[in-house]
Amino acid sequence: MSQSKTPDPTASPSIALSNERPDGARLIREAHLERFPNRTHVRRYTVEFSCPEFTCVCPASGFPDFATVHIKYVPREWCVELKSLKLYLNQYRDRGIFHEDVVNAILDDLLQLLDPWEIEVVGDFNVRGNIKTIVRARHTRADT
């Protein structure tokens, strides 16, 4: 009768570290927004996303900025694919960009991709230098 060896739950896992960048860095670097067809045309509905770990870099100081980015839209023909959105938002982590610009850039990119009935992007930035910044940008189709 053979006896199976039970793993020791207190043992540290063995992790091989290398100087190579992990695959996630490549996925983020090569990311692009993707969409899929809206399958529910019998009613208008709202889709909301929250990204509480958003980061970018202040172009004036070089210091990181942290924010929660909220995206809310009413789809027309298209919906955004979530993994592509996650990777796209992570592309900002090393990019020098002002708060106002990042919110409007995200809105513009999603508008171009989706052409929704309505969309709003809010950047709720963490306090820095005793100042709290919230940037809100929205767009509504003229033919709603």
Protein backbone atom coordinates (compact mmCIF):
# COMPACT_ATOMS: atom_id res chain seq x y z
CA MET A 1 0.00 0.00 0.00
CA SER A 2 1.50 3.32 -1.05
CA GLN A 3 1.18 6.38 1.10
CA SER A 4 0.57 9.73 -0.60
CA LYS A 5 2.52 12.69 0.66
CA THR A 6 0.39 15.56 1.94
CA PRO A 7 1.78 19.03 1.21
CA ASP A 8 2.93 21.01 4.24
CA PRO A 9 0.50 23.99 4.53
CA THR A 10 3.11 26.00 6.45
CA ALA A 11 5.78 25.64 3.79
CA SER A 12 6.56 28.71 1.67
CA PRO A 13 5.73 28.32 -2.02
CA SER A 14 8.69 28.17 -4.33
CA ILE A 15 8.70 31.10 -6.76
CA ALA A 16 11.23 31.39 -9.53
CA LEU A 17 12.13 35.03 -10.07
CA SER A 18 13.78 36.32 -13.20
CA ASN A 19 14.72 39.65 -14.70
CA GLU A 20 12.15 39.21 -17.45
CA ARG A 21 8.98 41.27 -17.32
CA PRO A 22 5.89 39.20 -16.60
CA ASP A 23 3.37 38.50 -19.33
CA GLY A 24 0.93 40.99 -17.73
CA ALA A 25 3.23 43.89 -18.61
CA ARG A 26 3.18 42.84 -22.27
CA LEU A 27 -0.59 42.46 -22.24
CA ILE A 28 -0.99 45.96 -20.82
CA ARG A 29 1.50 47.45 -23.27
CA GLU A 30 -0.28 45.87 -26.27
CA ALA A 31 -3.83 46.46 -25.02
CA HIS A 32 -6.56 47.99 -27.10
CA LEU A 33 -10.23 48.48 -26.34
CA GLU A 34 -12.56 45.83 -27.72
CA ARG A 35 -16.33 45.73 -28.07
CA PHE A 36 -19.11 43.24 -28.60
CA PRO A 37 -22.65 43.69 -29.93
CA ASN A 38 -25.34 44.88 -27.55
CA ARG A 39 -27.83 42.02 -27.49
CA THR A 40 -30.60 43.85 -25.62
CA HIS A 41 -32.39 46.36 -27.81
CA VAL A 42 -35.84 46.09 -26.21
CA ARG A 43 -34.90 48.72 -23.60
CA ARG A 44 -32.23 51.19 -22.66
CA TYR A 45 -30.14 50.18 -19.69
CA THR A 46 -27.10 51.50 -17.88
CA VAL A 47 -23.72 49.80 -17.50
CA GLU A 48 -21.44 51.03 -14.69
CA PHE A 49 -17.81 50.22 -13.95
CA SER A 50 -15.59 51.28 -11.10
CA CYS A 51 -11.80 51.06 -11.20
CA PRO A 52 -10.58 51.78 -7.65
CA GLU A 53 -6.89 51.17 -8.40
CA PHE A 54 -6.38 53.60 -11.29
CA THR A 55 -2.96 55.24 -11.48
CA CYS A 56 -1.25 57.73 -13.73
CA VAL A 57 1.70 60.08 -13.32
CA CYS A 58 1.58 63.83 -12.70
CA PRO A 59 3.40 65.40 -15.67
CA ALA A 60 4.48 68.38 -13.55
CA SER A 61 5.99 66.50 -10.59
CA GLY A 62 6.53 62.95 -11.85
CA PHE A 63 4.75 61.61 -8.76
CA PRO A 64 2.03 58.95 -9.10
CA ASP A 65 -1.61 59.96 -8.91
CA PHE A 66 -4.18 57.50 -7.60
CA ALA A 67 -7.89 57.59 -8.37
CA THR A 68 -11.10 55.69 -8.63
CA VAL A 69 -12.40 55.96 -12.17
CA HIS A 70 -16.14 55.51 -12.65
CA ILE A 71 -17.57 54.81 -16.10
CA LYS A 72 -21.30 54.81 -16.77
CA TYR A 73 -22.89 54.44 -20.19
CA VAL A 74 -26.13 53.54 -21.94
CA PRO A 75 -25.22 51.19 -24.82
CA ARG A 76 -26.59 51.60 -28.31
CA GLU A 77 -25.09 49.04 -30.70
CA TRP A 78 -21.97 48.11 -28.72
CA CYS A 79 -20.71 47.18 -25.24
CA VAL A 80 -17.11 47.34 -24.06
CA GLU A 81 -15.34 44.06 -23.29
CA LEU A 82 -14.19 44.12 -19.65
CA LYS A 83 -10.73 42.56 -19.93
CA SER A 84 -9.80 44.99 -22.68
CA LEU A 85 -11.06 47.89 -20.54
CA LYS A 86 -8.98 46.71 -17.57
CA LEU A 87 -5.82 46.44 -19.65
CA TYR A 88 -6.52 49.77 -21.39
CA LEU A 89 -6.93 51.60 -18.07
CA ASN A 90 -3.69 50.07 -16.80
CA GLN A 91 -1.83 51.67 -19.72
CA TYR A 92 -2.11 54.98 -17.88
CA ARG A 93 -0.02 53.79 -14.91
CA ASP A 94 3.26 55.12 -16.39
CA ARG A 95 1.78 57.94 -18.48
CA GLY A 96 2.30 61.58 -17.54
CA ILE A 97 -1.13 63.17 -17.86
CA PHE A 98 -3.18 65.77 -15.99
CA HIS A 99 -6.38 64.72 -14.20
CA GLU A 100 -8.60 66.69 -16.58
CA ASP A 101 -6.92 65.20 -19.63
CA VAL A 102 -7.05 61.59 -18.49
CA VAL A 103 -10.81 61.69 -17.84
CA ASN A 104 -11.49 63.30 -21.22
CA ALA A 105 -9.13 60.90 -23.03
CA ILE A 106 -10.94 57.88 -21.56
CA LEU A 107 -14.30 59.41 -22.53
CA ASP A 108 -13.11 60.14 -26.08
CA ASP A 109 -11.74 56.62 -26.57
CA LEU A 110 -14.95 55.00 -25.31
CA LEU A 111 -17.08 57.34 -27.42
CA GLN A 112 -15.14 56.39 -30.53
CA LEU A 113 -15.41 52.67 -29.70
CA LEU A 114 -19.04 52.48 -28.56
CA ASP A 115 -21.03 55.53 -29.79
CA PRO A 116 -23.41 55.06 -26.83
CA TRP A 117 -26.65 56.92 -26.12
CA GLU A 118 -24.99 58.50 -23.08
CA ILE A 119 -21.68 58.17 -21.30
CA GLU A 120 -20.02 59.68 -18.26
CA VAL A 121 -16.48 59.23 -16.92
CA VAL A 122 -15.57 60.45 -13.45
CA GLY A 123 -12.05 60.56 -12.06
CA ASP A 124 -12.15 60.73 -8.26
CA PHE A 125 -8.49 61.43 -7.45
CA ASN A 126 -6.95 60.88 -4.04
CA VAL A 127 -5.97 63.91 -2.00
CA ARG A 128 -2.55 65.23 -2.92
CA GLY A 129 -1.01 68.36 -1.46
CA ASN A 130 -4.19 68.94 0.56
CA ILE A 131 -6.33 69.14 -2.62
CA LYS A 132 -9.03 66.66 -3.63
CA THR A 133 -9.83 66.59 -7.35
CA ILE A 134 -12.91 65.15 -9.03
CA VAL A 135 -13.18 65.47 -12.80
CA ARG A 136 -16.46 64.63 -14.52
CA ALA A 137 -16.94 64.46 -18.31
CA ARG A 138 -20.10 63.37 -20.08
CA HIS A 139 -21.57 63.09 -23.53
CA THR A 140 -25.13 62.57 -24.77
CA ARG A 141 -26.06 61.81 -28.37
CA ALA A 142 -27.97 64.61 -30.02
CA ASP A 143 -30.64 62.19 -31.32
CA THR A 144 -31.59 60.64 -27.97
